[in-house]
Amino acid sequence: MNESLWKLLEQAKTDFHLRQEIWETQNKADPALALCNLATEKGFPLTVGALFAEGEEYTSNLLKSCNGGASYPLDGWEDSYDLFFAALAALES
């Protein structure tokens, strides 16, 4: 998970109001941008490009490895955005 998201999640563990703000980003017209803006406001700079590039780079590196890279297409890949909200949901349970 992206370092900025990890730090935001750590802060959200003890801040109920912040968790509410984070969940509210999913109701915005551009949820990823809203989450990035909130993270940046809270002191954890993040851009949409960085958010999605991290997962794409990891997957791309798996497929292009010259030392036994995946020789099959992946069924799917997790991205930082989805992993962040899964971790946030785990905090709530």
N, C-alpha and C. Protein backbone atom coordinates (compact mmCIF):
# COMPACT_ATOMS: atom_id res chain seq x y z
N MET A 1 0.85 -1.18 0.00
CA MET A 1 0.00 0.00 0.00
C MET A 1 0.89 1.24 0.00
N ASN A 2 0.46 2.26 -0.67
CA ASN A 2 1.18 3.52 -0.76
C ASN A 2 1.50 4.05 0.65
N GLU A 3 2.71 4.61 0.82
CA GLU A 3 3.15 5.08 2.14
C GLU A 3 2.22 6.14 2.72
N SER A 4 1.76 7.07 1.88
CA SER A 4 0.85 8.11 2.38
C SER A 4 -0.46 7.51 2.86
N LEU A 5 -0.97 6.53 2.13
CA LEU A 5 -2.21 5.87 2.55
C LEU A 5 -1.99 5.09 3.85
N TRP A 6 -0.82 4.47 3.96
CA TRP A 6 -0.52 3.73 5.17
C TRP A 6 -0.52 4.66 6.39
N LYS A 7 0.09 5.82 6.25
CA LYS A 7 0.12 6.79 7.35
C LYS A 7 -1.27 7.32 7.65
N LEU A 8 -2.07 7.56 6.62
CA LEU A 8 -3.45 8.03 6.82
C LEU A 8 -4.25 6.96 7.56
N LEU A 9 -4.06 5.71 7.20
CA LEU A 9 -4.75 4.61 7.87
C LEU A 9 -4.34 4.52 9.33
N GLU A 10 -3.05 4.70 9.60
CA GLU A 10 -2.57 4.67 10.98
C GLU A 10 -3.24 5.75 11.81
N GLN A 11 -3.39 6.94 11.24
CA GLN A 11 -4.05 8.03 11.96
C GLN A 11 -5.53 7.74 12.13
N ALA A 12 -6.14 7.12 11.14
CA ALA A 12 -7.58 6.82 11.19
C ALA A 12 -7.91 5.76 12.24
N LYS A 13 -6.92 4.96 12.62
CA LYS A 13 -7.16 3.93 13.64
C LYS A 13 -7.69 4.53 14.94
N THR A 14 -7.22 5.73 15.26
CA THR A 14 -7.61 6.35 16.52
C THR A 14 -8.49 7.58 16.35
N ASP A 15 -8.88 7.88 15.13
CA ASP A 15 -9.65 9.10 14.86
C ASP A 15 -10.94 8.75 14.10
N PHE A 16 -12.03 8.61 14.85
CA PHE A 16 -13.31 8.24 14.26
C PHE A 16 -13.76 9.26 13.23
N HIS A 17 -13.58 10.54 13.51
CA HIS A 17 -14.00 11.59 12.58
C HIS A 17 -13.26 11.46 11.24
N LEU A 18 -11.98 11.17 11.31
CA LEU A 18 -11.19 10.99 10.09
C LEU A 18 -11.72 9.79 9.30
N ARG A 19 -12.02 8.70 9.98
CA ARG A 19 -12.57 7.53 9.28
C ARG A 19 -13.85 7.91 8.54
N GLN A 20 -14.70 8.71 9.17
CA GLN A 20 -15.94 9.16 8.53
C GLN A 20 -15.63 9.99 7.28
N GLU A 21 -14.67 10.89 7.40
CA GLU A 21 -14.28 11.72 6.26
C GLU A 21 -13.77 10.86 5.11
N ILE A 22 -12.99 9.85 5.45
CA ILE A 22 -12.46 8.96 4.41
C ILE A 22 -13.59 8.23 3.71
N TRP A 23 -14.52 7.66 4.47
CA TRP A 23 -15.65 6.95 3.85
C TRP A 23 -16.46 7.87 2.96
N GLU A 24 -16.60 9.13 3.35
CA GLU A 24 -17.38 10.09 2.56
C GLU A 24 -16.75 10.37 1.20
N THR A 25 -15.46 10.15 1.06
CA THR A 25 -14.83 10.38 -0.24
C THR A 25 -15.40 9.47 -1.31
N GLN A 26 -15.91 8.31 -0.91
CA GLN A 26 -16.45 7.37 -1.89
C GLN A 26 -17.75 7.87 -2.51
N ASN A 27 -18.37 8.87 -1.91
CA ASN A 27 -19.62 9.43 -2.44
C ASN A 27 -19.39 10.63 -3.35
N LYS A 28 -18.16 11.00 -3.55
CA LYS A 28 -17.83 12.16 -4.40
C LYS A 28 -17.85 11.76 -5.87
N ALA A 29 -17.92 12.76 -6.74
CA ALA A 29 -17.94 12.51 -8.18
C ALA A 29 -16.66 11.80 -8.63
N ASP A 30 -15.54 12.15 -8.03
CA ASP A 30 -14.25 11.49 -8.32
C ASP A 30 -13.68 11.01 -6.99
N PRO A 31 -14.05 9.79 -6.58
CA PRO A 31 -13.64 9.30 -5.25
C PRO A 31 -12.13 9.23 -5.05
N ALA A 32 -11.39 8.84 -6.07
CA ALA A 32 -9.94 8.74 -5.92
C ALA A 32 -9.32 10.11 -5.69
N LEU A 33 -9.77 11.10 -6.45
CA LEU A 33 -9.26 12.46 -6.27
C LEU A 33 -9.64 13.00 -4.90
N ALA A 34 -10.86 12.72 -4.46
CA ALA A 34 -11.30 13.18 -3.14
C ALA A 34 -10.44 12.56 -2.04
N LEU A 35 -10.12 11.28 -2.17
CA LEU A 35 -9.27 10.63 -1.17
C LEU A 35 -7.86 11.24 -1.19
N CYS A 36 -7.33 11.48 -2.36
CA CYS A 36 -5.99 12.08 -2.46
C CYS A 36 -5.97 13.49 -1.86
N ASN A 37 -7.01 14.26 -2.12
CA ASN A 37 -7.10 15.60 -1.56
C ASN A 37 -7.17 15.55 -0.04
N LEU A 38 -7.95 14.62 0.50
CA LEU A 38 -8.07 14.49 1.95
C LEU A 38 -6.73 14.07 2.55
N ALA A 39 -6.07 13.10 1.95
CA ALA A 39 -4.78 12.65 2.45
C ALA A 39 -3.78 13.81 2.46
N THR A 40 -3.77 14.59 1.40
CA THR A 40 -2.86 15.73 1.30
C THR A 40 -3.18 16.78 2.37
N GLU A 41 -4.47 17.05 2.58
CA GLU A 41 -4.89 18.00 3.62
C GLU A 41 -4.43 17.56 5.00
N LYS A 42 -4.39 16.25 5.22
CA LYS A 42 -4.02 15.72 6.53
C LYS A 42 -2.50 15.58 6.69
N GLY A 43 -1.75 15.99 5.66
CA GLY A 43 -0.29 15.97 5.76
C GLY A 43 0.37 14.77 5.13
N PHE A 44 -0.38 14.02 4.33
CA PHE A 44 0.16 12.84 3.67
C PHE A 44 -0.01 13.01 2.16
N PRO A 45 0.89 13.75 1.52
CA PRO A 45 0.74 14.11 0.10
C PRO A 45 0.55 12.88 -0.79
N LEU A 46 -0.46 12.98 -1.66
CA LEU A 46 -0.79 11.87 -2.55
C LEU A 46 -1.47 12.41 -3.79
N THR A 47 -1.12 11.86 -4.94
CA THR A 47 -1.79 12.22 -6.19
C THR A 47 -2.49 10.98 -6.74
N VAL A 48 -3.47 11.20 -7.58
CA VAL A 48 -4.18 10.09 -8.20
C VAL A 48 -3.23 9.25 -9.04
N GLY A 49 -2.34 9.92 -9.75
CA GLY A 49 -1.36 9.19 -10.56
C GLY A 49 -0.50 8.26 -9.72
N ALA A 50 -0.01 8.75 -8.59
CA ALA A 50 0.81 7.92 -7.71
C ALA A 50 0.00 6.78 -7.13
N LEU A 51 -1.24 7.06 -6.82
CA LEU A 51 -2.12 6.06 -6.22
C LEU A 51 -2.28 4.84 -7.12
N PHE A 52 -2.54 5.08 -8.40
CA PHE A 52 -2.78 3.96 -9.31
C PHE A 52 -1.53 3.44 -9.99
N ALA A 53 -0.50 4.25 -10.08
CA ALA A 53 0.74 3.80 -10.72
C ALA A 53 1.41 2.71 -9.90
N GLU A 54 1.28 2.77 -8.60
CA GLU A 54 1.94 1.79 -7.74
C GLU A 54 1.48 0.36 -8.05
N GLY A 55 0.20 0.14 -8.13
CA GLY A 55 -0.32 -1.19 -8.43
C GLY A 55 0.01 -1.62 -9.85
N GLU A 56 -0.07 -0.69 -10.77
CA GLU A 56 0.23 -1.01 -12.16
C GLU A 56 1.70 -1.36 -12.33
N GLU A 57 2.57 -0.62 -11.65
CA GLU A 57 4.01 -0.91 -11.76
C GLU A 57 4.33 -2.29 -11.22
N TYR A 58 3.73 -2.65 -10.10
CA TYR A 58 3.98 -3.96 -9.50
C TYR A 58 3.56 -5.07 -10.47
N THR A 59 2.37 -4.94 -11.03
CA THR A 59 1.86 -5.95 -11.95
C THR A 59 2.71 -6.01 -13.21
N SER A 60 3.09 -4.88 -13.74
CA SER A 60 3.92 -4.85 -14.93
C SER A 60 5.26 -5.52 -14.69
N ASN A 61 5.83 -5.29 -13.53
CA ASN A 61 7.12 -5.90 -13.21
C ASN A 61 7.01 -7.42 -13.10
N LEU A 62 5.89 -7.91 -12.62
CA LEU A 62 5.69 -9.36 -12.56
C LEU A 62 5.72 -9.97 -13.94
N LEU A 63 5.10 -9.29 -14.89
CA LEU A 63 4.96 -9.86 -16.22
C LEU A 63 6.19 -9.69 -17.09
N LYS A 64 7.06 -8.74 -16.79
CA LYS A 64 8.21 -8.52 -17.66
C LYS A 64 9.52 -9.02 -17.07
N SER A 65 9.45 -9.69 -15.94
CA SER A 65 10.67 -10.19 -15.32
C SER A 65 11.38 -11.16 -16.25
N CYS A 66 12.69 -11.03 -16.34
CA CYS A 66 13.47 -11.94 -17.19
C CYS A 66 13.86 -13.19 -16.44
N ASN A 67 13.62 -13.22 -15.14
CA ASN A 67 13.97 -14.38 -14.32
C ASN A 67 12.72 -15.09 -13.81
N GLY A 68 11.97 -15.62 -14.73
CA GLY A 68 10.79 -16.39 -14.33
C GLY A 68 9.56 -15.55 -14.11
N GLY A 69 9.39 -14.50 -14.88
CA GLY A 69 8.18 -13.69 -14.77
C GLY A 69 6.95 -14.51 -15.08
N ALA A 70 5.82 -14.02 -14.66
CA ALA A 70 4.57 -14.73 -14.90
C ALA A 70 4.40 -14.96 -16.39
N SER A 71 4.20 -16.20 -16.79
CA SER A 71 4.03 -16.52 -18.20
C SER A 71 2.56 -16.64 -18.57
N TYR A 72 1.71 -16.17 -17.70
CA TYR A 72 0.27 -16.25 -17.87
C TYR A 72 -0.33 -14.90 -17.47
N PRO A 73 -1.47 -14.54 -18.03
CA PRO A 73 -2.09 -13.28 -17.60
C PRO A 73 -2.68 -13.43 -16.20
N LEU A 74 -2.57 -12.40 -15.42
CA LEU A 74 -3.14 -12.42 -14.07
C LEU A 74 -4.65 -12.26 -14.15
N ASP A 75 -5.36 -12.94 -13.27
CA ASP A 75 -6.82 -12.82 -13.23
C ASP A 75 -7.24 -11.42 -12.81
N GLY A 76 -6.44 -10.79 -12.01
CA GLY A 76 -6.74 -9.44 -11.54
C GLY A 76 -5.57 -8.96 -10.70
N TRP A 77 -5.63 -7.75 -10.29
CA TRP A 77 -4.59 -7.25 -9.42
C TRP A 77 -5.21 -6.25 -8.46
N GLU A 78 -4.69 -6.27 -7.28
CA GLU A 78 -5.16 -5.37 -6.25
C GLU A 78 -4.46 -4.03 -6.43
N ASP A 79 -5.16 -2.96 -6.18
CA ASP A 79 -4.49 -1.67 -6.21
C ASP A 79 -4.54 -1.04 -4.83
N SER A 80 -3.73 -0.03 -4.63
CA SER A 80 -3.63 0.61 -3.32
C SER A 80 -4.96 1.16 -2.84
N TYR A 81 -5.75 1.68 -3.76
CA TYR A 81 -7.05 2.25 -3.40
C TYR A 81 -7.95 1.18 -2.78
N ASP A 82 -8.07 0.04 -3.46
CA ASP A 82 -8.92 -1.04 -2.94
C ASP A 82 -8.37 -1.61 -1.64
N LEU A 83 -7.06 -1.80 -1.58
CA LEU A 83 -6.46 -2.33 -0.36
C LEU A 83 -6.66 -1.39 0.82
N PHE A 84 -6.57 -0.09 0.56
CA PHE A 84 -6.77 0.89 1.62
C PHE A 84 -8.17 0.77 2.21
N PHE A 85 -9.18 0.71 1.36
CA PHE A 85 -10.55 0.63 1.87
C PHE A 85 -10.85 -0.72 2.51
N ALA A 86 -10.20 -1.78 2.06
CA ALA A 86 -10.35 -3.08 2.73
C ALA A 86 -9.76 -3.02 4.13
N ALA A 87 -8.61 -2.36 4.27
CA ALA A 87 -7.99 -2.21 5.59
C ALA A 87 -8.83 -1.31 6.48
N LEU A 88 -9.41 -0.27 5.91
CA LEU A 88 -10.26 0.63 6.68
C LEU A 88 -11.50 -0.11 7.18
N ALA A 89 -12.07 -0.94 6.33
CA ALA A 89 -13.25 -1.73 6.72
C ALA A 89 -12.90 -2.70 7.85
N ALA A 90 -11.68 -3.23 7.82
CA ALA A 90 -11.25 -4.14 8.88
C ALA A 90 -11.15 -3.41 10.22
N LEU A 91 -10.82 -2.13 10.19
CA LEU A 91 -10.78 -1.34 11.42
C LEU A 91 -12.16 -1.21 12.04
N GLU A 92 -13.18 -1.18 11.20
CA GLU A 92 -14.54 -0.96 11.66
C GLU A 92 -15.14 -2.23 12.27
N SER A 93 -14.58 -3.37 11.92
CA SER A 93 -15.18 -4.61 12.42
C SER A 93 -14.59 -5.09 13.72
